[in-house]
Amino acid sequence: MPSFSIEKDEEVEFFRAKFAGSQADRAIKAEAEANKIAEQMKNSKGAS
């Protein structure tokens, strides 16, 4: 079994986007995304 695999271009782009920037940048982006989802959930609860 080889230690390395050949990745498809799409997979490489996905990981490049996912892990781009510094760890601090990713933490800020993740927090913003979590806040956005929380806001959507809050708004959808009020609508029903």
PDB file of N, CA and C in Angstrom:
ATOM      1  N   MET A   1       0.861  -1.185   0.000  1.00  0.00           N
ATOM      2  CA  MET A   1       0.000   0.000   0.000  1.00  0.00           C
ATOM      3  C   MET A   1       0.901   1.239   0.000  1.00  0.00           C
ATOM      4  N   PRO A   2       0.705   2.134  -0.937  1.00  0.00           N
ATOM      5  CA  PRO A   2       1.560   3.330  -1.003  1.00  0.00           C
ATOM      6  C   PRO A   2       1.263   4.309   0.132  1.00  0.00           C
ATOM      7  N   SER A   3       2.285   5.020   0.537  1.00  0.00           N
ATOM      8  CA  SER A   3       2.120   6.009   1.608  1.00  0.00           C
ATOM      9  C   SER A   3       1.439   7.269   1.108  1.00  0.00           C
ATOM     10  N   PHE A   4       1.571   7.523  -0.183  1.00  0.00           N
ATOM     11  CA  PHE A   4       1.010   8.738  -0.774  1.00  0.00           C
ATOM     12  C   PHE A   4      -0.004   8.362  -1.832  1.00  0.00           C
ATOM     13  N   SER A   5      -1.025   9.190  -1.974  1.00  0.00           N
ATOM     14  CA  SER A   5      -1.989   8.959  -3.042  1.00  0.00           C
ATOM     15  C   SER A   5      -1.970  10.158  -3.979  1.00  0.00           C
ATOM     16  N   ILE A   6      -2.417   9.925  -5.177  1.00  0.00           N
ATOM     17  CA  ILE A   6      -2.519  11.028  -6.136  1.00  0.00           C
ATOM     18  C   ILE A   6      -3.911  11.629  -5.972  1.00  0.00           C
ATOM     19  N   GLU A   7      -3.946  12.914  -5.665  1.00  0.00           N
ATOM     20  CA  GLU A   7      -5.219  13.585  -5.436  1.00  0.00           C
ATOM     21  C   GLU A   7      -5.735  14.182  -6.732  1.00  0.00           C
ATOM     22  N   LYS A   8      -7.040  14.185  -6.859  1.00  0.00           N
ATOM     23  CA  LYS A   8      -7.663  14.828  -8.008  1.00  0.00           C
ATOM     24  C   LYS A   8      -7.575  16.346  -7.835  1.00  0.00           C
ATOM     25  N   ASP A   9      -7.590  17.055  -8.944  1.00  0.00           N
ATOM     26  CA  ASP A   9      -7.503  18.520  -8.893  1.00  0.00           C
ATOM     27  C   ASP A   9      -8.599  19.129  -8.024  1.00  0.00           C
ATOM     28  N   GLU A  10      -9.816  18.568  -8.098  1.00  0.00           N
ATOM     29  CA  GLU A  10     -10.923  19.105  -7.301  1.00  0.00           C
ATOM     30  C   GLU A  10     -10.634  18.953  -5.804  1.00  0.00           C
ATOM     31  N   GLU A  11     -10.083  17.799  -5.424  1.00  0.00           N
ATOM     32  CA  GLU A  11      -9.765  17.568  -4.014  1.00  0.00           C
ATOM     33  C   GLU A  11      -8.668  18.523  -3.552  1.00  0.00           C
ATOM     34  N   VAL A  12      -7.675  18.729  -4.393  1.00  0.00           N
ATOM     35  CA  VAL A  12      -6.582  19.636  -4.051  1.00  0.00           C
ATOM     36  C   VAL A  12      -7.125  21.043  -3.837  1.00  0.00           C
ATOM     37  N   GLU A  13      -7.997  21.500  -4.721  1.00  0.00           N
ATOM     38  CA  GLU A  13      -8.576  22.838  -4.589  1.00  0.00           C
ATOM     39  C   GLU A  13      -9.409  22.948  -3.312  1.00  0.00           C
ATOM     40  N   PHE A  14     -10.173  21.890  -2.990  1.00  0.00           N
ATOM     41  CA  PHE A  14     -10.984  21.892  -1.778  1.00  0.00           C
ATOM     42  C   PHE A  14     -10.108  22.062  -0.539  1.00  0.00           C
ATOM     43  N   PHE A  15      -9.052  21.260  -0.443  1.00  0.00           N
ATOM     44  CA  PHE A  15      -8.182  21.346   0.720  1.00  0.00           C
ATOM     45  C   PHE A  15      -7.391  22.646   0.741  1.00  0.00           C
ATOM     46  N   ARG A  16      -7.008  23.139  -0.427  1.00  0.00           N
ATOM     47  CA  ARG A  16      -6.284  24.407  -0.502  1.00  0.00           C
ATOM     48  C   ARG A  16      -7.165  25.540   0.038  1.00  0.00           C
ATOM     49  N   ALA A  17      -8.440  25.535  -0.329  1.00  0.00           N
ATOM     50  CA  ALA A  17      -9.367  26.564   0.164  1.00  0.00           C
ATOM     51  C   ALA A  17      -9.641  26.364   1.654  1.00  0.00           C
ATOM     52  N   LYS A  18      -9.810  25.111   2.063  1.00  0.00           N
ATOM     53  CA  LYS A  18     -10.139  24.818   3.460  1.00  0.00           C
ATOM     54  C   LYS A  18      -9.014  25.226   4.411  1.00  0.00           C
ATOM     55  N   PHE A  19      -7.771  24.984   4.002  1.00  0.00           N
ATOM     56  CA  PHE A  19      -6.643  25.225   4.891  1.00  0.00           C
ATOM     57  C   PHE A  19      -5.836  26.467   4.519  1.00  0.00           C
ATOM     58  N   ALA A  20      -6.416  27.339   3.709  1.00  0.00           N
ATOM     59  CA  ALA A  20      -5.715  28.556   3.303  1.00  0.00           C
ATOM     60  C   ALA A  20      -5.618  29.526   4.471  1.00  0.00           C
ATOM     61  N   GLY A  21      -4.586  30.349   4.475  1.00  0.00           N
ATOM     62  CA  GLY A  21      -4.427  31.367   5.513  1.00  0.00           C
ATOM     63  C   GLY A  21      -3.856  30.788   6.787  1.00  0.00           C
ATOM     64  N   SER A  22      -3.790  31.635   7.787  1.00  0.00           N
ATOM     65  CA  SER A  22      -3.243  31.213   9.074  1.00  0.00           C
ATOM     66  C   SER A  22      -4.322  30.542   9.916  1.00  0.00           C
ATOM     67  N   GLN A  23      -3.916  29.953  11.008  1.00  0.00           N
ATOM     68  CA  GLN A  23      -4.869  29.320  11.912  1.00  0.00           C
ATOM     69  C   GLN A  23      -5.826  30.369  12.475  1.00  0.00           C
ATOM     70  N   ALA A  24      -5.323  31.551  12.759  1.00  0.00           N
ATOM     71  CA  ALA A  24      -6.164  32.629  13.271  1.00  0.00           C
ATOM     72  C   ALA A  24      -7.223  33.024  12.245  1.00  0.00           C
ATOM     73  N   ASP A  25      -6.822  33.103  10.973  1.00  0.00           N
ATOM     74  CA  ASP A  25      -7.781  33.432   9.911  1.00  0.00           C
ATOM     75  C   ASP A  25      -8.892  32.388   9.852  1.00  0.00           C
ATOM     76  N   ARG A  26      -8.521  31.114   9.949  1.00  0.00           N
ATOM     77  CA  ARG A  26      -9.526  30.045   9.893  1.00  0.00           C
ATOM     78  C   ARG A  26     -10.447  30.106  11.101  1.00  0.00           C
ATOM     79  N   ALA A  27      -9.920  30.444  12.280  1.00  0.00           N
ATOM     80  CA  ALA A  27     -10.751  30.551  13.476  1.00  0.00           C
ATOM     81  C   ALA A  27     -11.772  31.669  13.327  1.00  0.00           C
ATOM     82  N   ILE A  28     -11.353  32.801  12.787  1.00  0.00           N
ATOM     83  CA  ILE A  28     -12.270  33.931  12.571  1.00  0.00           C
ATOM     84  C   ILE A  28     -13.352  33.542  11.573  1.00  0.00           C
ATOM     85  N   LYS A  29     -12.952  32.874  10.508  1.00  0.00           N
ATOM     86  CA  LYS A  29     -13.909  32.458   9.476  1.00  0.00           C
ATOM     87  C   LYS A  29     -14.909  31.446  10.056  1.00  0.00           C
ATOM     88  N   ALA A  30     -14.434  30.510  10.862  1.00  0.00           N
ATOM     89  CA  ALA A  30     -15.306  29.505  11.468  1.00  0.00           C
ATOM     90  C   ALA A  30     -16.285  30.154  12.440  1.00  0.00           C
ATOM     91  N   GLU A  31     -15.812  31.123  13.214  1.00  0.00           N
ATOM     92  CA  GLU A  31     -16.694  31.815  14.160  1.00  0.00           C
ATOM     93  C   GLU A  31     -17.767  32.600  13.415  1.00  0.00           C
ATOM     94  N   ALA A  32     -17.392  33.272  12.337  1.00  0.00           N
ATOM     95  CA  ALA A  32     -18.356  34.027  11.539  1.00  0.00           C
ATOM     96  C   ALA A  32     -19.403  33.091  10.943  1.00  0.00           C
ATOM     97  N   GLU A  33     -18.967  31.948  10.469  1.00  0.00           N
ATOM     98  CA  GLU A  33     -19.900  30.972   9.887  1.00  0.00           C
ATOM     99  C   GLU A  33     -20.854  30.451  10.965  1.00  0.00           C
ATOM    100  N   ALA A  34     -20.342  30.169  12.160  1.00  0.00           N
ATOM    101  CA  ALA A  34     -21.173  29.683  13.264  1.00  0.00           C
ATOM    102  C   ALA A  34     -22.202  30.741  13.661  1.00  0.00           C
ATOM    103  N   ASN A  35     -21.788  31.990  13.710  1.00  0.00           N
ATOM    104  CA  ASN A  35     -22.716  33.074  14.043  1.00  0.00           C
ATOM    105  C   ASN A  35     -23.806  33.204  12.992  1.00  0.00           C
ATOM    106  N   LYS A  36     -23.435  33.050  11.727  1.00  0.00           N
ATOM    107  CA  LYS A  36     -24.396  33.142  10.627  1.00  0.00           C
ATOM    108  C   LYS A  36     -25.436  32.030  10.738  1.00  0.00           C
ATOM    109  N   ILE A  37     -24.990  30.812  11.030  1.00  0.00           N
ATOM    110  CA  ILE A  37     -25.899  29.676  11.166  1.00  0.00           C
ATOM    111  C   ILE A  37     -26.809  29.881  12.381  1.00  0.00           C
ATOM    112  N   ALA A  38     -26.248  30.362  13.478  1.00  0.00           N
ATOM    113  CA  ALA A  38     -27.048  30.606  14.680  1.00  0.00           C
ATOM    114  C   ALA A  38     -28.126  31.652  14.401  1.00  0.00           C
ATOM    115  N   GLU A  39     -27.763  32.682  13.675  1.00  0.00           N
ATOM    116  CA  GLU A  39     -28.728  33.739  13.328  1.00  0.00           C
ATOM    117  C   GLU A  39     -29.836  33.181  12.442  1.00  0.00           C
ATOM    118  N   GLN A  40     -29.481  32.331  11.492  1.00  0.00           N
ATOM    119  CA  GLN A  40     -30.488  31.720  10.618  1.00  0.00           C
ATOM    120  C   GLN A  40     -31.440  30.838  11.426  1.00  0.00           C
ATOM    121  N   MET A  41     -30.895  30.089  12.363  1.00  0.00           N
ATOM    122  CA  MET A  41     -31.730  29.216  13.186  1.00  0.00           C
ATOM    123  C   MET A  41     -32.654  30.042  14.073  1.00  0.00           C
ATOM    124  N   LYS A  42     -32.130  31.123  14.628  1.00  0.00           N
ATOM    125  CA  LYS A  42     -32.938  31.997  15.467  1.00  0.00           C
ATOM    126  C   LYS A  42     -34.085  32.596  14.659  1.00  0.00           C
ATOM    127  N   ASN A  43     -33.779  33.036  13.435  1.00  0.00           N
ATOM    128  CA  ASN A  43     -34.803  33.627  12.578  1.00  0.00           C
ATOM    129  C   ASN A  43     -35.836  32.601  12.133  1.00  0.00           C
ATOM    130  N   SER A  44     -35.413  31.388  11.870  1.00  0.00           N
ATOM    131  CA  SER A  44     -36.360  30.372  11.404  1.00  0.00           C
ATOM    132  C   SER A  44     -37.271  29.908  12.547  1.00  0.00           C
ATOM    133  N   LYS A  45     -36.792  29.915  13.779  1.00  0.00           N
ATOM    134  CA  LYS A  45     -37.641  29.558  14.922  1.00  0.00           C
ATOM    135  C   LYS A  45     -38.735  30.602  15.126  1.00  0.00           C
ATOM    136  N   GLY A  46     -38.378  31.866  14.964  1.00  0.00           N
ATOM    137  CA  GLY A  46     -39.344  32.939  15.136  1.00  0.00           C
ATOM    138  C   GLY A  46     -40.412  32.942  14.059  1.00  0.00           C
ATOM    139  N   ALA A  47     -40.076  32.437  12.875  1.00  0.00           N
ATOM    140  CA  ALA A  47     -41.006  32.464  11.752  1.00  0.00           C
ATOM    141  C   ALA A  47     -42.074  31.381  11.862  1.00  0.00           C
ATOM    142  N   SER A  48     -41.761  30.272  12.573  1.00  0.00           N
ATOM    143  CA  SER A  48     -42.731  29.179  12.606  1.00  0.00           C
ATOM    144  C   SER A  48     -43.685  29.232  13.757  1.00  0.00           C
TER     145      SER A  48
END
